[in-house]
N, C-alpha and C. Protein backbone atom coordinates (compact mmCIF):
# COMPACT_ATOMS: atom_id res chain seq x y z
N UNK A 1 -13.87 1.64 -19.91
CA UNK A 1 -13.32 0.38 -20.37
C UNK A 1 -14.07 -0.90 -19.69
N UNK A 2 -13.81 -1.95 -20.23
CA UNK A 2 -14.33 -3.11 -20.25
C UNK A 2 -14.37 -3.66 -18.77
N UNK A 3 -15.45 -4.45 -18.36
CA UNK A 3 -15.43 -4.82 -17.07
C UNK A 3 -14.33 -6.16 -16.92
N UNK A 4 -14.16 -6.77 -18.05
CA UNK A 4 -13.23 -8.12 -18.04
C UNK A 4 -11.90 -7.38 -17.85
N UNK A 5 -11.48 -6.36 -18.74
CA UNK A 5 -10.38 -5.75 -18.16
C UNK A 5 -9.78 -5.28 -16.77
N UNK A 6 -10.90 -4.65 -16.53
CA UNK A 6 -11.03 -4.06 -15.06
C UNK A 6 -10.73 -5.31 -14.06
N UNK A 7 -11.48 -6.38 -14.33
CA UNK A 7 -11.48 -7.52 -13.33
C UNK A 7 -10.17 -8.20 -13.47
N UNK A 8 -9.80 -8.16 -14.58
CA UNK A 8 -8.08 -8.74 -15.16
C UNK A 8 -6.88 -8.04 -14.20
N UNK A 9 -7.21 -6.63 -14.26
CA UNK A 9 -6.33 -5.74 -13.55
C UNK A 9 -6.30 -5.79 -12.28
N UNK A 10 -7.64 -6.16 -11.56
CA UNK A 10 -7.82 -6.32 -9.96
C UNK A 10 -6.88 -7.62 -9.64
N UNK A 11 -7.36 -8.60 -10.35
CA UNK A 11 -6.76 -9.89 -10.10
C UNK A 11 -5.50 -9.81 -10.11
N UNK A 12 -4.91 -9.14 -11.19
CA UNK A 12 -3.12 -9.17 -11.20
C UNK A 12 -2.78 -8.52 -10.08
N UNK A 13 -3.28 -7.34 -9.73
CA UNK A 13 -2.79 -6.62 -8.76
C UNK A 13 -2.87 -7.30 -7.37
N UNK A 14 -3.85 -8.23 -7.10
CA UNK A 14 -4.20 -8.76 -5.96
C UNK A 14 -3.03 -9.80 -5.70
N UNK A 15 -2.85 -10.66 -7.05
CA UNK A 15 -1.83 -11.70 -6.88
C UNK A 15 -0.58 -11.27 -6.75
N UNK A 16 -0.14 -10.17 -7.38
CA UNK A 16 1.15 -9.67 -7.17
C UNK A 16 1.41 -8.89 -5.75
N UNK A 17 0.42 -8.44 -5.09
CA UNK A 17 0.30 -7.96 -4.16
C UNK A 17 0.64 -9.20 -2.68
N UNK A 18 -0.08 -10.23 -3.17
CA UNK A 18 -0.08 -11.34 -2.26
C UNK A 18 1.45 -12.17 -2.51
N UNK A 19 1.91 -12.11 -3.76
CA UNK A 19 3.18 -12.74 -3.72
C UNK A 19 4.47 -11.84 -3.06
N UNK A 20 4.15 -10.51 -3.23
CA UNK A 20 5.11 -9.63 -2.53
C UNK A 20 5.18 -9.89 -1.07
N UNK A 21 3.92 -9.77 -0.64
CA UNK A 21 3.77 -9.90 0.86
C UNK A 21 4.32 -11.36 1.37
N UNK A 22 4.05 -12.44 0.65
CA UNK A 22 4.78 -13.74 1.16
C UNK A 22 6.24 -13.74 1.05
N UNK A 23 6.76 -13.00 0.01
CA UNK A 23 8.18 -12.83 -0.09
C UNK A 23 8.91 -11.96 1.22
N UNK A 24 7.93 -10.75 1.53
CA UNK A 24 8.55 -10.01 2.59
C UNK A 24 8.73 -10.64 3.83
N UNK A 25 7.54 -11.16 4.03
CA UNK A 25 7.35 -12.03 5.21
C UNK A 25 8.59 -13.14 5.58
N UNK A 26 8.73 -13.73 4.50
CA UNK A 26 9.93 -14.62 4.77
C UNK A 26 11.34 -14.08 4.66
N UNK A 27 11.33 -13.04 3.96
CA UNK A 27 12.82 -12.63 3.54
C UNK A 27 13.21 -11.43 4.47
N UNK A 28 11.97 -10.50 4.86
CA UNK A 28 12.49 -9.52 5.55
C UNK A 28 11.80 -9.40 7.01
N UNK A 29 11.19 -10.32 7.35
CA UNK A 29 10.62 -10.74 8.79
C UNK A 29 9.31 -9.74 9.10
N UNK A 30 8.60 -9.11 8.07
CA UNK A 30 7.54 -8.25 8.13
C UNK A 30 6.34 -9.23 8.76
N UNK A 31 5.72 -8.77 9.75
CA UNK A 31 4.83 -9.32 10.22
C UNK A 31 3.43 -8.56 10.14
N UNK A 32 2.05 -9.30 10.40
CA UNK A 32 0.91 -8.57 10.61
C UNK A 32 0.36 -7.85 9.25
N UNK A 33 0.80 -8.32 8.38
CA UNK A 33 0.39 -7.92 6.95
C UNK A 33 0.94 -6.59 6.40
N UNK A 34 1.69 -6.26 7.10
CA UNK A 34 2.60 -4.92 6.71
C UNK A 34 3.68 -5.47 5.84
N UNK A 35 4.13 -4.44 4.86
CA UNK A 35 5.43 -4.75 4.11
C UNK A 35 6.49 -3.82 4.57
N UNK A 36 7.82 -4.24 4.43
CA UNK A 36 9.04 -3.36 4.46
C UNK A 36 8.92 -2.39 3.36
N UNK A 37 9.60 -1.13 3.76
CA UNK A 37 9.65 -0.13 2.75
C UNK A 37 9.79 -0.51 1.41
N UNK A 38 10.97 -1.32 1.18
CA UNK A 38 11.52 -1.80 -0.19
C UNK A 38 10.33 -2.70 -0.79
N UNK A 39 9.65 -3.41 -0.21
CA UNK A 39 8.82 -4.29 -0.59
C UNK A 39 7.21 -3.49 -0.83
N UNK A 40 7.06 -2.43 0.06
CA UNK A 40 5.89 -1.48 -0.29
C UNK A 40 6.02 -0.63 -1.46
N UNK A 41 7.25 -0.34 -1.86
CA UNK A 41 7.64 0.41 -3.11
C UNK A 41 7.29 -0.46 -4.36
N UNK A 42 7.92 -1.64 -4.21
CA UNK A 42 7.71 -2.51 -5.46
C UNK A 42 6.30 -2.62 -5.64
N UNK A 43 5.41 -2.89 -4.42
CA UNK A 43 3.88 -3.29 -4.77
C UNK A 43 3.63 -2.03 -5.24
N UNK A 44 3.69 -0.63 -4.89
CA UNK A 44 3.13 0.10 -5.46
C UNK A 44 3.56 0.48 -6.74
N UNK A 45 4.61 0.14 -7.17
CA UNK A 45 5.21 0.08 -8.63
C UNK A 45 4.35 -0.88 -9.40
N UNK A 46 4.55 -2.03 -9.02
CA UNK A 46 3.71 -2.81 -9.67
C UNK A 46 2.25 -2.80 -9.88
N UNK A 47 1.72 -2.18 -9.02
CA UNK A 47 0.30 -1.68 -8.97
C UNK A 47 -0.03 -0.44 -10.16
N UNK A 48 0.76 0.47 -10.10
CA UNK A 48 0.95 1.83 -10.93
C UNK A 48 0.96 1.13 -12.40
N UNK A 49 1.87 0.13 -12.46
CA UNK A 49 2.37 -0.35 -13.97
C UNK A 49 0.98 -1.33 -14.44
N UNK A 50 0.17 -1.95 -13.64
CA UNK A 50 -0.75 -2.61 -14.10
C UNK A 50 -1.72 -1.65 -14.50
N UNK A 51 -2.02 -0.65 -13.63
CA UNK A 51 -3.22 0.25 -13.62
C UNK A 51 -3.06 1.19 -15.13
N UNK A 52 -1.86 1.37 -15.47
CA UNK A 52 -1.65 1.99 -16.68
C UNK A 52 -1.20 1.08 -17.85
N UNK A 53 -1.46 0.09 -17.82
CA UNK A 53 -1.01 -1.12 -18.87
C UNK A 53 -1.88 -1.04 -19.98
N UNK A 54 -1.48 -0.61 -21.33
CA UNK A 54 -2.23 -0.46 -22.34
C UNK A 54 -2.47 -1.55 -23.31
N UNK A 55 -1.97 -2.69 -22.91
CA UNK A 55 -1.70 -4.07 -23.63
C UNK A 55 -2.92 -4.90 -22.68
N UNK A 56 -3.30 -4.50 -21.68
CA UNK A 56 -4.00 -5.59 -20.76
C UNK A 56 -5.14 -6.56 -21.33
N UNK A 57 -5.60 -6.08 -22.43
CA UNK A 57 -6.60 -6.94 -23.13
C UNK A 57 -5.73 -8.00 -24.14
N UNK A 58 -4.76 -7.65 -24.36
CA UNK A 58 -3.80 -8.47 -25.32
C UNK A 58 -3.01 -9.42 -24.63
N UNK A 59 -2.31 -9.07 -23.59
CA UNK A 59 -1.38 -10.12 -22.79
C UNK A 59 -2.08 -10.84 -21.69
N UNK A 60 -1.00 -11.92 -21.26
CA UNK A 60 -1.47 -12.79 -20.17
C UNK A 60 -1.00 -12.13 -18.84
N UNK A 61 0.49 -12.13 -19.10
CA UNK A 61 1.23 -11.63 -17.81
C UNK A 61 2.43 -10.52 -18.34
N UNK A 62 2.70 -9.86 -17.54
CA UNK A 62 3.50 -8.85 -17.67
C UNK A 62 5.10 -9.38 -18.62
N UNK A 63 5.47 -10.69 -18.01
CA UNK A 63 6.45 -11.48 -18.45
C UNK A 63 6.40 -11.78 -20.11
N UNK A 64 5.22 -11.98 -20.36
CA UNK A 64 5.03 -12.14 -21.83
C UNK A 64 4.60 -11.16 -22.49
N UNK A 65 4.68 -9.85 -22.17
CA UNK A 65 4.59 -8.86 -23.08
C UNK A 65 5.80 -8.54 -24.09
N UNK A 66 5.27 -8.11 -25.37
CA UNK A 66 6.49 -7.81 -26.08
C UNK A 66 6.94 -6.31 -25.89
N UNK A 67 6.26 -5.49 -25.00
CA UNK A 67 6.85 -4.13 -24.60
C UNK A 67 6.83 -4.04 -23.27
N UNK A 68 7.85 -4.49 -22.47
CA UNK A 68 7.64 -4.33 -20.94
C UNK A 68 7.80 -2.88 -20.53
N UNK A 69 6.93 -2.48 -19.74
CA UNK A 69 7.04 -1.07 -18.93
C UNK A 69 7.89 -0.80 -17.90
N UNK A 70 8.45 -2.19 -17.13
CA UNK A 70 9.02 -2.05 -16.12
C UNK A 70 10.43 -1.55 -16.14
N UNK A 71 11.06 -0.70 -15.29
CA UNK A 71 12.43 -0.45 -15.53
C UNK A 71 13.28 -1.69 -15.06
N UNK A 72 14.33 -1.79 -15.51
CA UNK A 72 15.33 -3.03 -15.36
C UNK A 72 15.46 -3.40 -14.00
N UNK A 73 15.72 -2.57 -13.20
CA UNK A 73 15.83 -2.74 -11.69
C UNK A 73 14.76 -3.32 -11.22
N UNK A 74 13.60 -2.60 -11.42
CA UNK A 74 12.33 -3.19 -10.67
C UNK A 74 11.94 -4.65 -11.42
N UNK A 75 12.45 -4.82 -12.79
CA UNK A 75 11.98 -5.93 -13.40
C UNK A 75 12.49 -7.14 -12.79
N UNK A 76 13.89 -6.98 -12.45
CA UNK A 76 14.78 -7.82 -11.93
C UNK A 76 14.27 -8.14 -10.41
N UNK A 77 13.68 -7.03 -9.52
CA UNK A 77 13.11 -7.56 -8.29
C UNK A 77 12.01 -8.36 -8.26
N UNK A 78 11.16 -7.57 -9.24
CA UNK A 78 9.71 -8.54 -9.22
C UNK A 78 10.03 -10.02 -9.77
N UNK A 79 10.81 -10.22 -10.58
CA UNK A 79 11.11 -11.59 -11.12
C UNK A 79 11.70 -12.49 -9.80
N UNK A 80 12.43 -11.83 -9.31
CA UNK A 80 13.13 -12.40 -7.83
C UNK A 80 12.07 -12.66 -6.90
N UNK A 81 11.22 -11.80 -6.73
CA UNK A 81 9.83 -12.11 -5.84
C UNK A 81 8.86 -13.26 -6.46
N UNK A 82 8.59 -13.08 -7.56
CA UNK A 82 7.72 -14.32 -8.48
C UNK A 82 8.51 -15.65 -8.27
N UNK A 83 9.84 -15.61 -8.53
CA UNK A 83 10.30 -16.94 -8.57
C UNK A 83 10.29 -17.65 -7.34
N UNK A 84 10.36 -16.79 -6.16
CA UNK A 84 10.44 -17.36 -4.92
C UNK A 84 8.94 -17.65 -4.75
N UNK A 85 8.11 -16.75 -4.87
CA UNK A 85 6.62 -16.73 -4.21
C UNK A 85 5.71 -17.59 -5.08
N UNK A 86 6.00 -17.89 -6.50
CA UNK A 86 5.11 -18.50 -7.17
C UNK A 86 5.11 -20.27 -6.78
N UNK A 87 5.96 -20.78 -6.72
CA UNK A 87 5.80 -22.20 -6.11
C UNK A 87 4.81 -22.30 -4.82
N UNK A 88 5.17 -21.29 -3.80
CA UNK A 88 4.45 -21.32 -2.44
C UNK A 88 3.01 -20.76 -2.74
N UNK A 89 2.70 -20.37 -4.03
CA UNK A 89 1.20 -19.70 -4.11
C UNK A 89 0.46 -21.08 -4.11
N UNK A 90 1.15 -22.37 -4.76
CA UNK A 90 0.24 -23.43 -4.68
C UNK A 90 -0.32 -24.01 -3.18
N UNK A 91 0.43 -23.54 -2.23
CA UNK A 91 -0.06 -23.75 -0.96
C UNK A 91 -0.97 -23.00 -0.39
N UNK A 92 -0.69 -21.62 -0.70
CA UNK A 92 -1.16 -20.33 -0.08
C UNK A 92 -2.73 -20.06 -0.86
N UNK A 93 -2.77 -20.14 -2.16
CA UNK A 93 -3.87 -19.86 -2.95
C UNK A 93 -3.69 -20.86 -4.18
N UNK A 94 -4.12 -22.08 -3.99
CA UNK A 94 -4.17 -22.97 -5.05
C UNK A 94 -5.14 -22.74 -6.16
N UNK A 95 -5.92 -22.02 -6.09
CA UNK A 95 -6.81 -21.77 -7.20
C UNK A 95 -6.18 -20.80 -7.96
N UNK A 96 -5.82 -19.65 -7.53
CA UNK A 96 -5.03 -18.61 -8.16
C UNK A 96 -3.82 -19.31 -8.87
N UNK A 97 -2.90 -20.09 -8.22
CA UNK A 97 -1.82 -20.80 -8.99
C UNK A 97 -2.32 -21.64 -10.10
N UNK A 98 -3.16 -22.41 -9.84
CA UNK A 98 -3.79 -23.28 -10.96
C UNK A 98 -4.47 -22.39 -12.04
N UNK A 99 -5.07 -21.46 -11.88
CA UNK A 99 -5.41 -20.59 -12.78
C UNK A 99 -4.25 -19.94 -13.92
N UNK A 100 -3.14 -19.65 -13.04
CA UNK A 100 -2.11 -18.85 -13.47
C UNK A 100 -1.50 -19.92 -14.62
N UNK A 101 -1.02 -21.15 -14.03
CA UNK A 101 -0.62 -22.31 -14.71
C UNK A 101 -1.37 -22.61 -15.93
N UNK A 102 -2.75 -22.68 -15.91
CA UNK A 102 -3.56 -22.73 -17.23
C UNK A 102 -3.39 -21.56 -18.00
N UNK A 103 -3.38 -20.49 -17.57
CA UNK A 103 -3.21 -19.50 -18.53
C UNK A 103 -1.67 -19.49 -19.21
N UNK A 104 -0.99 -19.72 -18.43
CA UNK A 104 0.52 -19.90 -19.19
C UNK A 104 0.47 -20.83 -20.19
N UNK A 105 -0.09 -21.97 -19.88
CA UNK A 105 -0.10 -23.03 -20.96
C UNK A 105 -0.98 -22.79 -22.03
N UNK A 106 -2.04 -21.99 -22.12
CA UNK A 106 -2.96 -21.43 -22.95
C UNK A 106 -2.24 -20.62 -24.01
N UNK A 107 -1.50 -19.64 -23.18
CA UNK A 107 -0.61 -18.60 -24.06
C UNK A 107 0.60 -19.33 -24.71
N UNK A 108 1.08 -20.29 -24.21
CA UNK A 108 1.97 -20.91 -25.05
C UNK A 108 1.74 -21.73 -26.10
N UNK A 109 0.51 -22.13 -26.37
CA UNK A 109 0.04 -22.76 -27.30
C UNK A 109 -0.39 -22.07 -28.25
N UNK A 110 -0.98 -20.77 -28.19
CA UNK A 110 -1.27 -19.56 -29.10
C UNK A 110 -0.12 -19.31 -29.84
N UNK A 111 -0.22 -19.13 -31.42
CA UNK A 111 0.82 -18.63 -32.20
C UNK A 111 1.00 -17.34 -31.96
N UNK A 112 2.16 -16.76 -31.97
CA UNK A 112 2.62 -15.33 -31.75
C UNK A 112 2.27 -14.55 -32.78
N UNK A 113 2.02 -13.25 -32.69
CA UNK A 113 1.63 -12.27 -33.51
C UNK A 113 2.51 -12.31 -35.03
N UNK A 114 3.73 -12.34 -34.71
CA UNK A 114 4.59 -12.62 -36.03
C UNK A 114 4.49 -13.81 -36.72
N UNK A 115 4.02 -14.90 -36.12
CA UNK A 115 3.51 -16.19 -36.80
C UNK A 115 2.30 -15.98 -37.49
N UNK A 116 1.28 -15.31 -36.81
CA UNK A 116 0.01 -15.19 -37.68
C UNK A 116 0.15 -14.19 -39.04
N UNK A 117 0.81 -13.48 -38.94
CA UNK A 117 1.13 -12.50 -40.10
C UNK A 117 1.72 -13.15 -41.35
N UNK A 118 2.97 -14.01 -40.92
CA UNK A 118 3.59 -14.77 -41.67
C UNK A 118 2.79 -15.60 -42.79
């Protein structure tokens, strides 16, 4: 497996874990870096999905993947976490947040696969 893909997996896993940690501390009162059982399960699930993603080289984020692998309930939970934690990442990890914004804008400018074929 390519180092670039492994680096992307690691970066994605770290970012998602950090966002879940921010959310958990604010909503469930967990302190000292630990997560409540519910958030720990979500973090394990997200990490497992990222480790097994067959489209890591093609996609920018799970939300933009044409074949999402998250179960509907877990997808809703991770959306809730990201919607809350995303804006707060600008203060906590500004470089990560700005990189995410740049990747999102770059992805939106790129034509979709169906448009390339036509």
